[in-house]
Amino acid sequence: MTKARDSGLRIVELPVSALTPNPWNPNRVPPDLYAKLRAYIEREGFVEPLVVRPKDDRFEILGGFHRSKIAGELGYETVPCVVVDLDDRRAKILSVNLNELKGQSLPALMAELIHDLSRDLSLEDLASQLPWDAAQLADFQELLKIPDGLLEQLEEDAARMERERPRVVSFVLSPEQEQIVEEAVAKALDDVVATSRGAALTKMASTYLGRDS
């Protein structure tokens, strides 16, 4: 078994006034979800600590910026934090992973869970405590009426579409390299049957590999 790298992890209560956001955070929460998150913290408190690192006599937030902002709005003096000692590169990677390495709920299983909760709570009550509004929760329940096997087929179709959807490919080129590529693409568009720059690049790559595109 590979031993995990020691990050100096510890959990402490830190003053909200000592926390500062990181400058690279790409995560954004729309106003409606922000309001729900605030209501959730008002109701349940902080059940998940923030992730921070020491930075210039303060603590830089790597995970949980919006919750820290809400804590300040609600008058919290301190919040629980996981403190890690990381350099800039590892801190940025951790910040991305905290936001992106999350699974997705299967619609059929979520529909069953919503249906189970609705035995004790109305959809309006659930909407006040979950990320969806009452109409969206009703849509979840409608999934229970779909014939057996159809949801699985829809999920397979969605996965296939994700695999086959067009991708945007970027390259880092010097000005000289860019000029060469642009001239080659322009020539390919004139010489081969290609309806787009992407098709021209594919044709060029296929010719280089000795394949038919």
C-alpha atoms as a PDB file:
ATOM      1  CA  MET A   1       0.000   0.000   0.000  1.00  0.00           C
ATOM      2  CA  THR A   2       1.327   3.428  -0.941  1.00  0.00           C
ATOM      3  CA  LYS A   3       1.532   5.782   2.000  1.00  0.00           C
ATOM      4  CA  ALA A   4      -0.324   9.063   1.488  1.00  0.00           C
ATOM      5  CA  ARG A   5       1.814  12.198   1.432  1.00  0.00           C
ATOM      6  CA  ASP A   6       1.776  13.989   4.791  1.00  0.00           C
ATOM      7  CA  SER A   7       0.042  17.349   4.376  1.00  0.00           C
ATOM      8  CA  GLY A   8       0.274  18.392   8.025  1.00  0.00           C
ATOM      9  CA  LEU A   9      -3.518  18.114   8.319  1.00  0.00           C
ATOM     10  CA  ARG A  10      -5.246  19.291  11.475  1.00  0.00           C
ATOM     11  CA  ILE A  11      -8.740  20.515  12.371  1.00  0.00           C
ATOM     12  CA  VAL A  12      -9.173  23.715  14.367  1.00  0.00           C
ATOM     13  CA  GLU A  13     -11.667  26.490  15.040  1.00  0.00           C
ATOM     14  CA  LEU A  14     -10.472  29.642  13.274  1.00  0.00           C
ATOM     15  CA  PRO A  15     -11.807  33.221  13.420  1.00  0.00           C
ATOM     16  CA  VAL A  16     -13.831  34.137  10.333  1.00  0.00           C
ATOM     17  CA  SER A  17     -11.908  37.417  10.283  1.00  0.00           C
ATOM     18  CA  ALA A  18      -8.653  35.459   9.773  1.00  0.00           C
ATOM     19  CA  LEU A  19      -9.863  33.787   6.561  1.00  0.00           C
ATOM     20  CA  THR A  20      -9.151  35.089   3.089  1.00  0.00           C
ATOM     21  CA  PRO A  21     -10.304  33.738  -0.312  1.00  0.00           C
ATOM     22  CA  ASN A  22      -7.793  32.369  -2.781  1.00  0.00           C
ATOM     23  CA  PRO A  23      -7.397  34.376  -6.010  1.00  0.00           C
ATOM     24  CA  TRP A  24      -7.864  31.506  -8.459  1.00  0.00           C
ATOM     25  CA  ASN A  25     -11.168  29.967  -7.344  1.00  0.00           C
ATOM     26  CA  PRO A  26     -13.266  29.210 -10.505  1.00  0.00           C
ATOM     27  CA  ASN A  27     -16.304  27.992  -8.566  1.00  0.00           C
ATOM     28  CA  ARG A  28     -19.427  30.148  -8.666  1.00  0.00           C
ATOM     29  CA  VAL A  29     -22.742  29.571  -6.892  1.00  0.00           C
ATOM     30  CA  PRO A  30     -25.890  31.073  -8.459  1.00  0.00           C
ATOM     31  CA  PRO A  31     -28.036  33.263  -6.190  1.00  0.00           C
ATOM     32  CA  ASP A  32     -30.824  30.702  -5.722  1.00  0.00           C
ATOM     33  CA  LEU A  33     -28.421  27.980  -4.563  1.00  0.00           C
ATOM     34  CA  TYR A  34     -26.538  30.479  -2.413  1.00  0.00           C
ATOM     35  CA  ALA A  35     -29.798  31.297  -0.629  1.00  0.00           C
ATOM     36  CA  LYS A  36     -30.464  27.599  -0.072  1.00  0.00           C
ATOM     37  CA  LEU A  37     -26.932  27.070   1.229  1.00  0.00           C
ATOM     38  CA  ARG A  38     -27.381  29.966   3.639  1.00  0.00           C
ATOM     39  CA  ALA A  39     -30.705  28.563   4.841  1.00  0.00           C
ATOM     40  CA  TYR A  40     -29.107  25.145   5.303  1.00  0.00           C
ATOM     41  CA  ILE A  41     -26.268  26.559   7.425  1.00  0.00           C
ATOM     42  CA  GLU A  42     -28.749  28.577   9.473  1.00  0.00           C
ATOM     43  CA  ARG A  43     -30.695  25.388  10.116  1.00  0.00           C
ATOM     44  CA  GLU A  44     -27.934  22.793  10.554  1.00  0.00           C
ATOM     45  CA  GLY A  45     -24.803  24.789  11.342  1.00  0.00           C
ATOM     46  CA  PHE A  46     -21.369  23.885   9.967  1.00  0.00           C
ATOM     47  CA  VAL A  47     -21.418  20.115   9.462  1.00  0.00           C
ATOM     48  CA  GLU A  48     -18.466  20.226   7.049  1.00  0.00           C
ATOM     49  CA  PRO A  49     -15.248  22.114   7.846  1.00  0.00           C
ATOM     50  CA  LEU A  50     -13.576  24.528   5.477  1.00  0.00           C
ATOM     51  CA  VAL A  51     -10.181  23.642   4.001  1.00  0.00           C
ATOM     52  CA  VAL A  52      -7.538  26.318   4.467  1.00  0.00           C
ATOM     53  CA  ARG A  53      -3.762  26.824   4.479  1.00  0.00           C
ATOM     54  CA  PRO A  54      -1.550  29.301   6.363  1.00  0.00           C
ATOM     55  CA  LYS A  55      -0.792  32.266   4.103  1.00  0.00           C
ATOM     56  CA  ASP A  56       0.821  35.588   5.072  1.00  0.00           C
ATOM     57  CA  ASP A  57      -0.314  35.568   8.723  1.00  0.00           C
ATOM     58  CA  ARG A  58      -3.841  34.604   7.652  1.00  0.00           C
ATOM     59  CA  PHE A  59      -5.541  31.457   6.358  1.00  0.00           C
ATOM     60  CA  GLU A  60      -6.285  31.130   2.650  1.00  0.00           C
ATOM     61  CA  ILE A  61      -9.480  29.229   1.802  1.00  0.00           C
ATOM     62  CA  LEU A  62      -8.959  26.271  -0.539  1.00  0.00           C
ATOM     63  CA  GLY A  63     -12.433  24.795  -0.130  1.00  0.00           C
ATOM     64  CA  GLY A  64     -15.601  26.399   1.223  1.00  0.00           C
ATOM     65  CA  PHE A  65     -15.364  30.073   0.231  1.00  0.00           C
ATOM     66  CA  HIS A  66     -19.141  30.528  -0.087  1.00  0.00           C
ATOM     67  CA  ARG A  67     -19.732  28.887   3.291  1.00  0.00           C
ATOM     68  CA  SER A  68     -17.159  31.195   4.864  1.00  0.00           C
ATOM     69  CA  LYS A  69     -18.919  34.192   3.326  1.00  0.00           C
ATOM     70  CA  ILE A  70     -22.244  33.006   4.727  1.00  0.00           C
ATOM     71  CA  ALA A  71     -20.627  32.489   8.126  1.00  0.00           C
ATOM     72  CA  GLY A  72     -19.663  36.154   8.154  1.00  0.00           C
ATOM     73  CA  GLU A  73     -23.170  37.180   7.114  1.00  0.00           C
ATOM     74  CA  LEU A  74     -24.694  35.099   9.901  1.00  0.00           C
ATOM     75  CA  GLY A  75     -22.404  36.505  12.565  1.00  0.00           C
ATOM     76  CA  TYR A  76     -20.213  33.445  13.164  1.00  0.00           C
ATOM     77  CA  GLU A  77     -17.037  34.366  15.039  1.00  0.00           C
ATOM     78  CA  THR A  78     -15.262  31.072  14.310  1.00  0.00           C
ATOM     79  CA  VAL A  79     -15.740  28.124  11.945  1.00  0.00           C
ATOM     80  CA  PRO A  80     -14.208  24.614  11.894  1.00  0.00           C
ATOM     81  CA  CYS A  81     -11.352  24.304   9.428  1.00  0.00           C
ATOM     82  CA  VAL A  82      -9.051  21.601   8.135  1.00  0.00           C
ATOM     83  CA  VAL A  83      -5.617  23.222   7.969  1.00  0.00           C
ATOM     84  CA  VAL A  84      -3.128  21.917   5.406  1.00  0.00           C
ATOM     85  CA  ASP A  85       0.410  23.060   4.731  1.00  0.00           C
ATOM     86  CA  LEU A  86       0.742  23.126   0.937  1.00  0.00           C
ATOM     87  CA  ASP A  87       2.760  25.068  -1.622  1.00  0.00           C
ATOM     88  CA  ASP A  88       0.953  27.013  -4.353  1.00  0.00           C
ATOM     89  CA  ARG A  89       0.911  24.182  -6.888  1.00  0.00           C
ATOM     90  CA  ARG A  90      -0.502  21.576  -4.525  1.00  0.00           C
ATOM     91  CA  ALA A  91      -2.940  24.123  -3.065  1.00  0.00           C
ATOM     92  CA  LYS A  92      -4.357  24.881  -6.521  1.00  0.00           C
ATOM     93  CA  ILE A  93      -4.664  21.185  -7.380  1.00  0.00           C
ATOM     94  CA  LEU A  94      -6.427  20.491  -4.074  1.00  0.00           C
ATOM     95  CA  SER A  95      -8.797  23.418  -4.625  1.00  0.00           C
ATOM     96  CA  VAL A  96      -9.804  22.101  -8.052  1.00  0.00           C
ATOM     97  CA  ASN A  97     -10.253  18.568  -6.748  1.00  0.00           C
ATOM     98  CA  LEU A  98     -12.419  19.706  -3.841  1.00  0.00           C
ATOM     99  CA  ASN A  99     -14.822  21.258  -6.353  1.00  0.00           C
ATOM    100  CA  GLU A 100     -14.647  18.765  -9.207  1.00  0.00           C
ATOM    101  CA  LEU A 101     -14.093  15.269  -7.758  1.00  0.00           C
ATOM    102  CA  LYS A 102     -17.722  14.696  -6.929  1.00  0.00           C
ATOM    103  CA  GLY A 103     -20.114  12.083  -8.240  1.00  0.00           C
ATOM    104  CA  GLN A 104     -23.484  12.618  -9.858  1.00  0.00           C
ATOM    105  CA  SER A 105     -26.793  11.307  -8.576  1.00  0.00           C
ATOM    106  CA  LEU A 106     -28.518   8.655 -10.654  1.00  0.00           C
ATOM    107  CA  PRO A 107     -31.970  10.056 -11.529  1.00  0.00           C
ATOM    108  CA  ALA A 108     -33.850   6.846 -10.709  1.00  0.00           C
ATOM    109  CA  LEU A 109     -32.251   6.498  -7.266  1.00  0.00           C
ATOM    110  CA  MET A 110     -32.759  10.197  -6.526  1.00  0.00           C
ATOM    111  CA  ALA A 111     -36.421   9.857  -7.534  1.00  0.00           C
ATOM    112  CA  GLU A 112     -36.852   7.024  -5.029  1.00  0.00           C
ATOM    113  CA  LEU A 113     -35.143   9.047  -2.309  1.00  0.00           C
ATOM    114  CA  ILE A 114     -37.342  12.110  -2.980  1.00  0.00           C
ATOM    115  CA  HIS A 115     -40.422   9.902  -2.966  1.00  0.00           C
ATOM    116  CA  ASP A 116     -39.389   8.416   0.388  1.00  0.00           C
ATOM    117  CA  LEU A 117     -38.819  11.875   1.905  1.00  0.00           C
ATOM    118  CA  SER A 118     -42.160  13.111   0.567  1.00  0.00           C
ATOM    119  CA  ARG A 119     -43.953  10.621   2.816  1.00  0.00           C
ATOM    120  CA  ASP A 120     -43.170  12.926   5.756  1.00  0.00           C
ATOM    121  CA  LEU A 121     -42.643  16.310   4.088  1.00  0.00           C
ATOM    122  CA  SER A 122     -44.462  18.223   1.377  1.00  0.00           C
ATOM    123  CA  LEU A 123     -42.605  19.121  -1.797  1.00  0.00           C
ATOM    124  CA  GLU A 124     -42.652  22.746  -0.648  1.00  0.00           C
ATOM    125  CA  ASP A 125     -40.982  21.762   2.632  1.00  0.00           C
ATOM    126  CA  LEU A 126     -38.427  19.660   0.769  1.00  0.00           C
ATOM    127  CA  ALA A 127     -37.753  22.535  -1.635  1.00  0.00           C
ATOM    128  CA  SER A 128     -36.807  24.722   1.330  1.00  0.00           C
ATOM    129  CA  GLN A 129     -34.216  22.153   2.426  1.00  0.00           C
ATOM    130  CA  LEU A 130     -32.856  20.744  -0.845  1.00  0.00           C
ATOM    131  CA  PRO A 131     -31.138  22.308  -3.898  1.00  0.00           C
ATOM    132  CA  TRP A 132     -34.295  22.058  -6.095  1.00  0.00           C
ATOM    133  CA  ASP A 133     -37.625  23.861  -6.224  1.00  0.00           C
ATOM    134  CA  ALA A 134     -40.990  22.093  -5.838  1.00  0.00           C
ATOM    135  CA  ALA A 135     -41.514  21.751  -9.607  1.00  0.00           C
ATOM    136  CA  GLN A 136     -38.124  20.071 -10.033  1.00  0.00           C
ATOM    137  CA  LEU A 137     -38.874  17.706  -7.151  1.00  0.00           C
ATOM    138  CA  ALA A 138     -42.179  16.816  -8.799  1.00  0.00           C
ATOM    139  CA  ASP A 139     -40.259  16.025 -11.984  1.00  0.00           C
ATOM    140  CA  PHE A 140     -38.076  13.640  -9.998  1.00  0.00           C
ATOM    141  CA  GLN A 141     -41.185  11.821  -8.787  1.00  0.00           C
ATOM    142  CA  GLU A 142     -42.461  11.543 -12.356  1.00  0.00           C
ATOM    143  CA  LEU A 143     -39.401   9.403 -13.102  1.00  0.00           C
ATOM    144  CA  LEU A 144     -40.946   6.670 -10.955  1.00  0.00           C
ATOM    145  CA  LYS A 145     -43.645   6.274 -13.630  1.00  0.00           C
ATOM    146  CA  ILE A 146     -41.138   5.546 -16.409  1.00  0.00           C
ATOM    147  CA  PRO A 147     -41.195   1.874 -17.531  1.00  0.00           C
ATOM    148  CA  ASP A 148     -38.479  -0.417 -16.211  1.00  0.00           C
ATOM    149  CA  GLY A 149     -35.355  -0.304 -18.317  1.00  0.00           C
ATOM    150  CA  LEU A 150     -36.026   3.048 -19.962  1.00  0.00           C
ATOM    151  CA  LEU A 151     -34.029   5.079 -17.446  1.00  0.00           C
ATOM    152  CA  GLU A 152     -31.040   2.798 -17.898  1.00  0.00           C
ATOM    153  CA  GLN A 153     -31.318   3.232 -21.652  1.00  0.00           C
ATOM    154  CA  LEU A 154     -31.541   7.007 -21.300  1.00  0.00           C
ATOM    155  CA  GLU A 155     -28.448   7.020 -19.086  1.00  0.00           C
ATOM    156  CA  GLU A 156     -26.564   4.880 -21.603  1.00  0.00           C
ATOM    157  CA  ASP A 157     -27.610   7.241 -24.415  1.00  0.00           C
ATOM    158  CA  ALA A 158     -26.445  10.241 -22.381  1.00  0.00           C
ATOM    159  CA  ALA A 159     -23.090   8.578 -21.719  1.00  0.00           C
ATOM    160  CA  ARG A 160     -22.708   7.768 -25.431  1.00  0.00           C
ATOM    161  CA  MET A 161     -23.525  11.358 -26.403  1.00  0.00           C
ATOM    162  CA  GLU A 162     -20.937  12.600 -23.912  1.00  0.00           C
ATOM    163  CA  ARG A 163     -18.309  10.309 -25.472  1.00  0.00           C
ATOM    164  CA  GLU A 164     -19.199  11.381 -28.999  1.00  0.00           C
ATOM    165  CA  ARG A 165     -19.815  15.095 -28.522  1.00  0.00           C
ATOM    166  CA  PRO A 166     -17.410  17.485 -30.278  1.00  0.00           C
ATOM    167  CA  ARG A 167     -14.443  18.664 -28.256  1.00  0.00           C
ATOM    168  CA  VAL A 168     -12.667  22.010 -28.269  1.00  0.00           C
ATOM    169  CA  VAL A 169      -8.937  21.303 -28.607  1.00  0.00           C
ATOM    170  CA  SER A 170      -6.417  24.026 -27.749  1.00  0.00           C
ATOM    171  CA  PHE A 171      -2.715  24.248 -28.558  1.00  0.00           C
ATOM    172  CA  VAL A 172       0.003  26.459 -27.151  1.00  0.00           C
ATOM    173  CA  LEU A 173       2.025  27.683 -30.153  1.00  0.00           C
ATOM    174  CA  SER A 174       4.645  30.303 -30.791  1.00  0.00           C
ATOM    175  CA  PRO A 175       3.728  32.919 -33.425  1.00  0.00           C
ATOM    176  CA  GLU A 176       5.934  31.111 -35.957  1.00  0.00           C
ATOM    177  CA  GLN A 177       4.322  27.749 -35.210  1.00  0.00           C
ATOM    178  CA  GLU A 178       0.838  29.284 -35.408  1.00  0.00           C
ATOM    179  CA  GLN A 179       1.601  30.702 -38.852  1.00  0.00           C
ATOM    180  CA  ILE A 180       2.742  27.304 -40.112  1.00  0.00           C
ATOM    181  CA  VAL A 181      -0.381  25.583 -38.755  1.00  0.00           C
ATOM    182  CA  GLU A 182      -2.697  28.235 -40.197  1.00  0.00           C
ATOM    183  CA  GLU A 183      -1.056  27.964 -43.638  1.00  0.00           C
ATOM    184  CA  ALA A 184      -1.361  24.169 -43.544  1.00  0.00           C
ATOM    185  CA  VAL A 185      -5.031  24.301 -42.519  1.00  0.00           C
ATOM    186  CA  ALA A 186      -5.802  26.837 -45.242  1.00  0.00           C
ATOM    187  CA  LYS A 187      -4.112  24.630 -47.823  1.00  0.00           C
ATOM    188  CA  ALA A 188      -5.966  21.544 -46.566  1.00  0.00           C
ATOM    189  CA  LEU A 189      -9.284  23.380 -46.849  1.00  0.00           C
ATOM    190  CA  ASP A 190      -8.476  24.132 -50.486  1.00  0.00           C
ATOM    191  CA  ASP A 191      -7.077  20.696 -51.398  1.00  0.00           C
ATOM    192  CA  VAL A 192      -9.334  18.217 -49.607  1.00  0.00           C
ATOM    193  CA  VAL A 193     -13.028  17.829 -48.941  1.00  0.00           C
ATOM    194  CA  ALA A 194     -13.249  19.601 -45.579  1.00  0.00           C
ATOM    195  CA  THR A 195     -16.037  21.791 -44.295  1.00  0.00           C
ATOM    196  CA  SER A 196     -14.264  23.136 -41.234  1.00  0.00           C
ATOM    197  CA  ARG A 197     -10.837  23.729 -39.753  1.00  0.00           C
ATOM    198  CA  GLY A 198     -11.378  20.748 -37.475  1.00  0.00           C
ATOM    199  CA  ALA A 199     -12.138  18.514 -40.459  1.00  0.00           C
ATOM    200  CA  ALA A 200      -9.045  19.835 -42.246  1.00  0.00           C
ATOM    201  CA  LEU A 201      -6.836  19.079 -39.216  1.00  0.00           C
ATOM    202  CA  THR A 202      -8.347  15.589 -38.970  1.00  0.00           C
ATOM    203  CA  LYS A 203      -7.618  14.971 -42.653  1.00  0.00           C
ATOM    204  CA  MET A 204      -4.035  16.152 -42.230  1.00  0.00           C
ATOM    205  CA  ALA A 205      -3.535  13.935 -39.160  1.00  0.00           C
ATOM    206  CA  SER A 206      -5.081  10.935 -40.913  1.00  0.00           C
ATOM    207  CA  THR A 207      -2.812  11.426 -43.926  1.00  0.00           C
ATOM    208  CA  TYR A 208       0.222  11.570 -41.640  1.00  0.00           C
ATOM    209  CA  LEU A 209      -0.870   8.329 -39.954  1.00  0.00           C
ATOM    210  CA  GLY A 210      -1.661   6.668 -43.269  1.00  0.00           C
ATOM    211  CA  ARG A 211      -5.350   6.330 -42.487  1.00  0.00           C
ATOM    212  CA  ASP A 212      -8.503   7.189 -44.383  1.00  0.00           C
ATOM    213  CA  SER A 213     -10.534   9.889 -42.573  1.00  0.00           C
END
